[in-house]
Amino acid sequence: MTSEIRIDALLPAEMAQRVEMIGIKKSEAKFIPMFALAILAGAFIGLGGMFSTVAISGTMAVKTAQAGEMAFMASLPFGIIRIIAGLAFCLGLILVVVSGAELFTGNNLIAIAWASRKVTTLALLRNWTIVYIGNFFGSVATALIIFWGKQYTFGGGSVGVTALSIANIKVNYDFLQAVALGVMCNALVCLAVWMCFSARSVIDKIAAIIFPITAFVAAGFEHSVANMYFIPLGLIIKQFDPTFAANSGVDLANLTWSAFFIKNLLPVTIGNIIGGVFLVAIVYWIIFLRRNES
């Protein structure tokens, strides 16, 4: 017999089986380690958000336009700015995957084990709820530390202006638009996590992450956990440094906590679940695992 030449550590069908197995383990995890790892994931994504904000600070001049719309006078082409932001943001998922943490959006892949009836609906929702709340704590805590360190004042205040602009843009989407942007975002995030299961080394995992994550940021798609950092940071700056906020040139009338939860976090979370569960997890379950259930 001749042995099969293997290029990847796991082929797609084997990746599906591994995701299913890991989904079972995640659903059975104890509360304290799961919650602690979720806090870490929120912090890691917050660090990616911080890096991304710094990376594009000073690349654009912001001014207030008519009717409260934001206008940007870019010193670099829009696409280049977004690619830079995406490359920097990759830090977040790299830390989650390589260091080990529990990220709500990536955990949407547990739906594969749920579809195979190896994880109950209650266990699935338990994991998502605990991890989502932990991600929120980690992300907001990171935003608070960034604020206390006055990191937003760096670059002559350009970092803070960029942070306020990002937060403001995110609370001004229509509900359906935010859902759609969330769908596409988590399809790419879950594909990045999915491809990591075929990696043979840390470098392979990083390579698998870079392009999907850079793509979702560059395209302007919406990630619920990232927004738990971006928007609270803008809100904290607005509330606790009103002079800086007023001098930023950004119209922050719509940047409120209610807008954060209702106009962004809710629709984006719905979109993330749709994208991760139905565009990735269920599709691959149908292709590779459904026959085992018949």
Protein backbone atom coordinates (compact mmCIF):
# COMPACT_ATOMS: atom_id res chain seq x y z
CA MET A 1 0.00 0.00 0.00
CA THR A 2 1.12 3.51 -0.77
CA SER A 3 0.57 6.10 1.89
CA GLU A 4 -1.32 9.26 1.00
CA ILE A 5 0.84 12.34 0.63
CA ARG A 6 -0.38 14.88 3.16
CA ILE A 7 0.13 18.58 2.55
CA ASP A 8 -2.04 19.82 5.42
CA ALA A 9 -2.20 18.46 8.95
CA LEU A 10 -5.92 17.90 8.44
CA LEU A 11 -8.02 17.74 5.30
CA PRO A 12 -11.42 19.52 5.23
CA ALA A 13 -13.50 16.47 6.22
CA GLU A 14 -11.16 15.79 9.12
CA MET A 15 -11.31 19.46 10.09
CA ALA A 16 -15.09 19.15 10.37
CA GLN A 17 -14.72 16.18 12.70
CA ARG A 18 -12.19 18.07 14.82
CA VAL A 19 -14.42 21.14 15.05
CA GLU A 20 -17.26 18.87 16.15
CA MET A 21 -15.08 17.27 18.84
CA ILE A 22 -13.83 20.62 20.11
CA GLY A 23 -17.40 21.94 20.12
CA ILE A 24 -18.38 19.12 22.47
CA LYS A 25 -15.47 19.94 24.80
CA LYS A 26 -16.29 23.65 24.80
CA SER A 27 -19.93 22.99 25.64
CA GLU A 28 -18.89 20.86 28.63
CA ALA A 29 -16.33 23.34 30.01
CA LYS A 30 -16.71 24.53 33.59
CA PHE A 31 -17.93 28.05 34.25
CA ILE A 32 -14.85 29.66 35.83
CA PRO A 33 -12.23 28.66 33.22
CA MET A 34 -14.68 29.37 30.39
CA PHE A 35 -15.52 32.82 31.75
CA ALA A 36 -11.86 33.64 32.44
CA LEU A 37 -10.86 32.63 28.93
CA ALA A 38 -13.74 34.71 27.55
CA ILE A 39 -12.49 37.77 29.44
CA LEU A 40 -9.05 37.18 27.92
CA ALA A 41 -10.54 36.93 24.44
CA GLY A 42 -12.36 40.24 24.89
CA ALA A 43 -9.10 41.83 26.03
CA PHE A 44 -7.20 40.31 23.09
CA ILE A 45 -9.73 41.62 20.58
CA GLY A 46 -9.57 44.99 22.34
CA LEU A 47 -5.80 45.02 21.88
CA GLY A 48 -6.31 44.31 18.19
CA GLY A 49 -8.75 47.21 18.07
CA MET A 50 -6.26 49.47 19.82
CA PHE A 51 -3.49 48.51 17.38
CA SER A 52 -5.79 49.04 14.42
CA THR A 53 -6.82 52.50 15.68
CA VAL A 54 -3.22 53.58 16.19
CA ALA A 55 -2.19 52.20 12.81
CA ILE A 56 -4.57 54.48 10.90
CA SER A 57 -4.38 57.52 13.18
CA GLY A 58 -3.06 60.56 11.33
CA THR A 59 -3.89 59.05 7.94
CA MET A 60 -7.09 61.10 7.72
CA ALA A 61 -8.37 64.51 8.66
CA VAL A 62 -11.87 64.51 10.11
CA LYS A 63 -14.39 67.32 9.83
CA THR A 64 -18.10 67.66 10.48
CA ALA A 65 -20.25 67.74 7.36
CA GLN A 66 -23.84 68.83 6.84
CA ALA A 67 -26.72 66.90 8.41
CA GLY A 68 -24.39 65.31 10.95
CA GLU A 69 -22.70 63.10 8.36
CA MET A 70 -19.02 62.30 8.73
CA ALA A 71 -16.69 63.41 5.95
CA PHE A 72 -13.12 62.23 5.62
CA MET A 73 -10.29 63.96 3.82
CA ALA A 74 -7.88 61.08 3.48
CA SER A 75 -4.14 61.57 3.04
CA LEU A 76 -3.96 57.96 1.83
CA PRO A 77 -6.37 56.12 -0.48
CA PHE A 78 -9.36 54.71 1.42
CA GLY A 79 -8.55 51.12 0.50
CA ILE A 80 -4.96 51.38 1.71
CA ILE A 81 -6.08 52.83 5.03
CA ARG A 82 -8.57 49.99 5.51
CA ILE A 83 -6.00 47.30 4.65
CA ILE A 84 -3.58 48.78 7.20
CA ALA A 85 -6.37 48.75 9.79
CA GLY A 86 -7.18 45.12 8.97
CA LEU A 87 -3.60 43.90 9.14
CA ALA A 88 -3.16 45.51 12.56
CA PHE A 89 -6.47 44.12 13.85
CA CYS A 90 -5.29 40.57 13.07
CA LEU A 91 -3.37 40.77 16.35
CA GLY A 92 -6.64 40.14 18.20
CA LEU A 93 -7.57 36.79 16.66
CA ILE A 94 -3.94 35.67 16.55
CA LEU A 95 -3.78 36.12 20.32
CA VAL A 96 -7.10 34.30 20.77
CA VAL A 97 -6.15 31.29 18.63
CA VAL A 98 -2.47 30.91 19.53
CA SER A 99 -2.62 31.90 23.21
CA GLY A 100 -5.96 30.18 23.82
CA ALA A 101 -9.16 32.03 24.68
CA GLU A 102 -12.93 31.76 24.25
CA LEU A 103 -14.37 34.08 21.59
CA PHE A 104 -18.12 34.26 21.04
CA THR A 105 -17.92 34.66 17.28
CA GLY A 106 -15.54 31.75 16.82
CA ASN A 107 -17.65 29.64 19.18
CA ASN A 108 -20.53 29.89 16.72
CA LEU A 109 -18.79 26.87 15.16
CA ILE A 110 -20.09 24.79 18.10
CA ALA A 111 -23.25 24.66 15.97
CA ILE A 112 -21.58 21.81 14.08
CA ALA A 113 -21.69 19.60 17.18
CA TRP A 114 -25.22 20.86 17.89
CA ALA A 115 -26.34 19.88 14.37
CA SER A 116 -24.88 16.42 14.96
CA ARG A 117 -26.98 16.23 18.17
CA LYS A 118 -23.87 15.84 20.26
CA VAL A 119 -24.44 19.17 22.01
CA THR A 120 -27.84 20.17 23.37
CA THR A 121 -29.45 23.51 22.62
CA LEU A 122 -29.18 24.42 26.30
CA ALA A 123 -25.44 23.62 26.37
CA LEU A 124 -24.90 25.63 23.19
CA LEU A 125 -26.72 28.68 24.57
CA ARG A 126 -24.94 28.31 27.91
CA ASN A 127 -21.55 28.53 26.20
CA TRP A 128 -22.54 31.44 24.01
CA THR A 129 -24.03 33.40 26.90
CA ILE A 130 -21.10 32.93 29.29
CA VAL A 131 -18.54 33.65 26.60
CA TYR A 132 -20.43 36.67 25.25
CA ILE A 133 -20.63 38.25 28.71
CA GLY A 134 -16.97 37.45 29.41
CA ASN A 135 -15.96 38.99 26.07
CA PHE A 136 -17.91 42.12 27.01
CA PHE A 137 -16.10 42.47 30.35
CA GLY A 138 -12.70 41.94 28.77
CA SER A 139 -13.30 44.38 25.93
CA VAL A 140 -14.72 47.17 28.11
CA ALA A 141 -11.98 46.68 30.71
CA THR A 142 -9.40 47.11 27.97
CA ALA A 143 -11.13 50.30 26.80
CA LEU A 144 -11.05 51.64 30.36
CA ILE A 145 -7.33 50.91 30.76
CA ILE A 146 -6.60 52.59 27.42
CA PHE A 147 -8.56 55.63 28.59
CA TRP A 148 -6.88 55.79 32.02
CA GLY A 149 -3.51 55.63 30.28
CA LYS A 150 -4.57 58.60 28.13
CA GLN A 151 -3.33 56.65 25.12
CA TYR A 152 -6.05 58.36 23.09
CA THR A 153 -4.17 61.67 23.45
CA PHE A 154 -1.10 60.33 21.64
CA GLY A 155 -0.17 61.58 18.21
CA GLY A 156 -1.34 65.08 19.04
CA GLY A 157 -4.76 63.65 19.82
CA SER A 158 -5.08 61.92 16.44
CA VAL A 159 -5.53 58.52 18.13
CA GLY A 160 -8.49 59.81 20.12
CA VAL A 161 -10.04 61.52 17.11
CA THR A 162 -9.79 58.28 15.17
CA ALA A 163 -11.30 56.33 18.09
CA LEU A 164 -14.23 58.75 18.31
CA SER A 165 -14.76 58.62 14.55
CA ILE A 166 -14.81 54.81 14.53
CA ALA A 167 -17.29 54.65 17.42
CA ASN A 168 -19.51 57.30 15.89
CA ILE A 169 -19.70 55.60 12.50
CA LYS A 170 -20.66 52.29 14.09
CA VAL A 171 -23.75 53.68 15.90
CA ASN A 172 -25.12 55.32 12.76
CA TYR A 173 -25.90 52.21 10.69
CA ASP A 174 -29.46 51.20 9.91
CA PHE A 175 -30.55 48.04 11.75
CA LEU A 176 -30.67 45.85 8.62
CA GLN A 177 -27.37 47.23 7.39
CA ALA A 178 -25.72 46.37 10.71
CA VAL A 179 -27.14 42.83 10.54
CA ALA A 180 -25.82 42.35 7.00
CA LEU A 181 -22.38 43.69 7.91
CA GLY A 182 -22.36 41.33 10.90
CA VAL A 183 -23.26 38.34 8.71
CA MET A 184 -20.33 38.87 6.37
CA CYS A 185 -17.94 39.60 9.20
CA ASN A 186 -18.43 36.37 11.08
CA ALA A 187 -18.47 34.28 7.94
CA LEU A 188 -14.88 35.44 7.45
CA VAL A 189 -13.94 35.12 11.14
CA CYS A 190 -15.27 31.56 11.33
CA LEU A 191 -13.52 30.66 8.09
CA ALA A 192 -10.28 31.96 9.60
CA VAL A 193 -10.80 29.83 12.72
CA TRP A 194 -11.85 26.88 10.54
CA MET A 195 -8.65 27.06 8.47
CA CYS A 196 -6.56 27.13 11.65
CA PHE A 197 -7.60 23.52 12.23
CA SER A 198 -5.59 22.58 9.14
CA ALA A 199 -2.46 24.34 10.40
CA ARG A 200 0.68 22.45 11.34
CA SER A 201 2.42 25.24 13.22
CA VAL A 202 1.92 28.63 14.86
CA ILE A 203 3.09 30.30 11.66
CA ASP A 204 0.48 28.34 9.69
CA LYS A 205 -2.25 29.53 12.06
CA ILE A 206 -1.15 33.15 11.73
CA ALA A 207 -1.10 32.85 7.93
CA ALA A 208 -4.61 31.36 7.95
CA ILE A 209 -5.89 34.26 10.05
CA ILE A 210 -4.35 37.23 8.24
CA PHE A 211 -6.29 37.36 4.97
CA PRO A 212 -9.86 36.69 6.20
CA ILE A 213 -9.50 39.09 9.13
CA THR A 214 -7.83 41.80 7.07
CA ALA A 215 -10.61 41.38 4.52
CA PHE A 216 -13.46 41.84 7.00
CA VAL A 217 -11.92 44.96 8.52
CA ALA A 218 -10.99 46.43 5.15
CA ALA A 219 -14.51 45.83 3.87
CA GLY A 220 -16.05 47.57 6.88
CA PHE A 221 -17.87 44.51 8.23
CA GLU A 222 -19.02 44.49 11.86
CA HIS A 223 -17.71 42.28 14.68
CA SER A 224 -19.73 42.29 17.91
CA VAL A 225 -16.80 41.68 20.25
CA ALA A 226 -14.59 44.24 18.54
CA ASN A 227 -17.43 46.75 18.90
CA MET A 228 -17.48 46.03 22.65
CA TYR A 229 -14.11 47.80 22.61
CA PHE A 230 -14.43 50.39 19.87
CA ILE A 231 -17.76 51.94 20.90
CA PRO A 232 -17.29 51.96 24.70
CA LEU A 233 -13.89 53.62 24.22
CA GLY A 234 -15.56 56.40 22.24
CA LEU A 235 -18.33 56.68 24.84
CA ILE A 236 -15.85 56.83 27.71
CA ILE A 237 -13.82 59.57 26.00
CA LYS A 238 -17.00 61.52 25.30
CA GLN A 239 -18.25 61.21 28.87
CA PHE A 240 -15.06 61.68 30.87
CA ASP A 241 -13.06 64.01 28.62
CA PRO A 242 -15.77 66.23 27.12
CA THR A 243 -13.26 68.95 26.18
CA PHE A 244 -11.28 66.53 24.02
CA ALA A 245 -14.51 65.22 22.48
CA ALA A 246 -15.78 68.73 21.74
CA ASN A 247 -12.48 69.71 20.10
CA SER A 248 -12.30 66.53 18.01
CA GLY A 249 -14.50 67.90 15.23
CA VAL A 250 -16.63 64.74 15.32
CA ASP A 251 -20.39 65.13 15.68
CA LEU A 252 -21.09 62.80 18.61
CA ALA A 253 -24.80 63.53 19.08
CA ASN A 254 -25.75 59.94 18.20
CA LEU A 255 -22.96 58.31 20.21
CA THR A 256 -24.88 57.08 23.28
CA TRP A 257 -25.00 53.89 25.32
CA SER A 258 -28.52 53.13 24.08
CA ALA A 259 -27.37 53.53 20.47
CA PHE A 260 -24.46 51.21 21.20
CA PHE A 261 -26.70 48.41 22.47
CA ILE A 262 -29.73 48.85 20.21
CA LYS A 263 -28.35 50.19 16.92
CA ASN A 264 -25.09 48.26 16.85
CA LEU A 265 -24.50 45.46 19.33
CA LEU A 266 -27.93 43.82 18.95
CA PRO A 267 -28.10 43.75 15.13
CA VAL A 268 -24.40 42.97 14.73
CA THR A 269 -24.66 40.05 17.15
CA ILE A 270 -27.65 38.69 15.23
CA GLY A 271 -25.69 39.03 12.00
CA ASN A 272 -22.60 37.37 13.49
CA ILE A 273 -24.68 34.36 14.57
CA ILE A 274 -26.26 34.05 11.13
CA GLY A 275 -22.91 34.31 9.37
CA GLY A 276 -21.02 31.95 11.65
CA VAL A 277 -23.74 29.33 12.10
CA PHE A 278 -25.49 29.22 8.73
CA LEU A 279 -22.80 30.32 6.27
CA VAL A 280 -19.98 28.28 7.78
CA ALA A 281 -20.90 25.74 10.48
CA ILE A 282 -24.10 24.32 9.00
CA VAL A 283 -22.76 24.39 5.44
CA TYR A 284 -19.73 22.30 6.39
CA TRP A 285 -21.87 20.03 8.59
CA ILE A 286 -24.13 19.29 5.60
CA ILE A 287 -21.15 18.65 3.34
CA PHE A 288 -19.02 16.48 5.65
CA LEU A 289 -21.02 15.23 8.62
CA ARG A 290 -24.72 15.02 7.75
CA ARG A 291 -24.36 11.64 6.10
CA ASN A 292 -23.26 10.26 9.45
CA GLU A 293 -26.61 11.32 10.93
CA SER A 294 -28.77 9.59 8.30
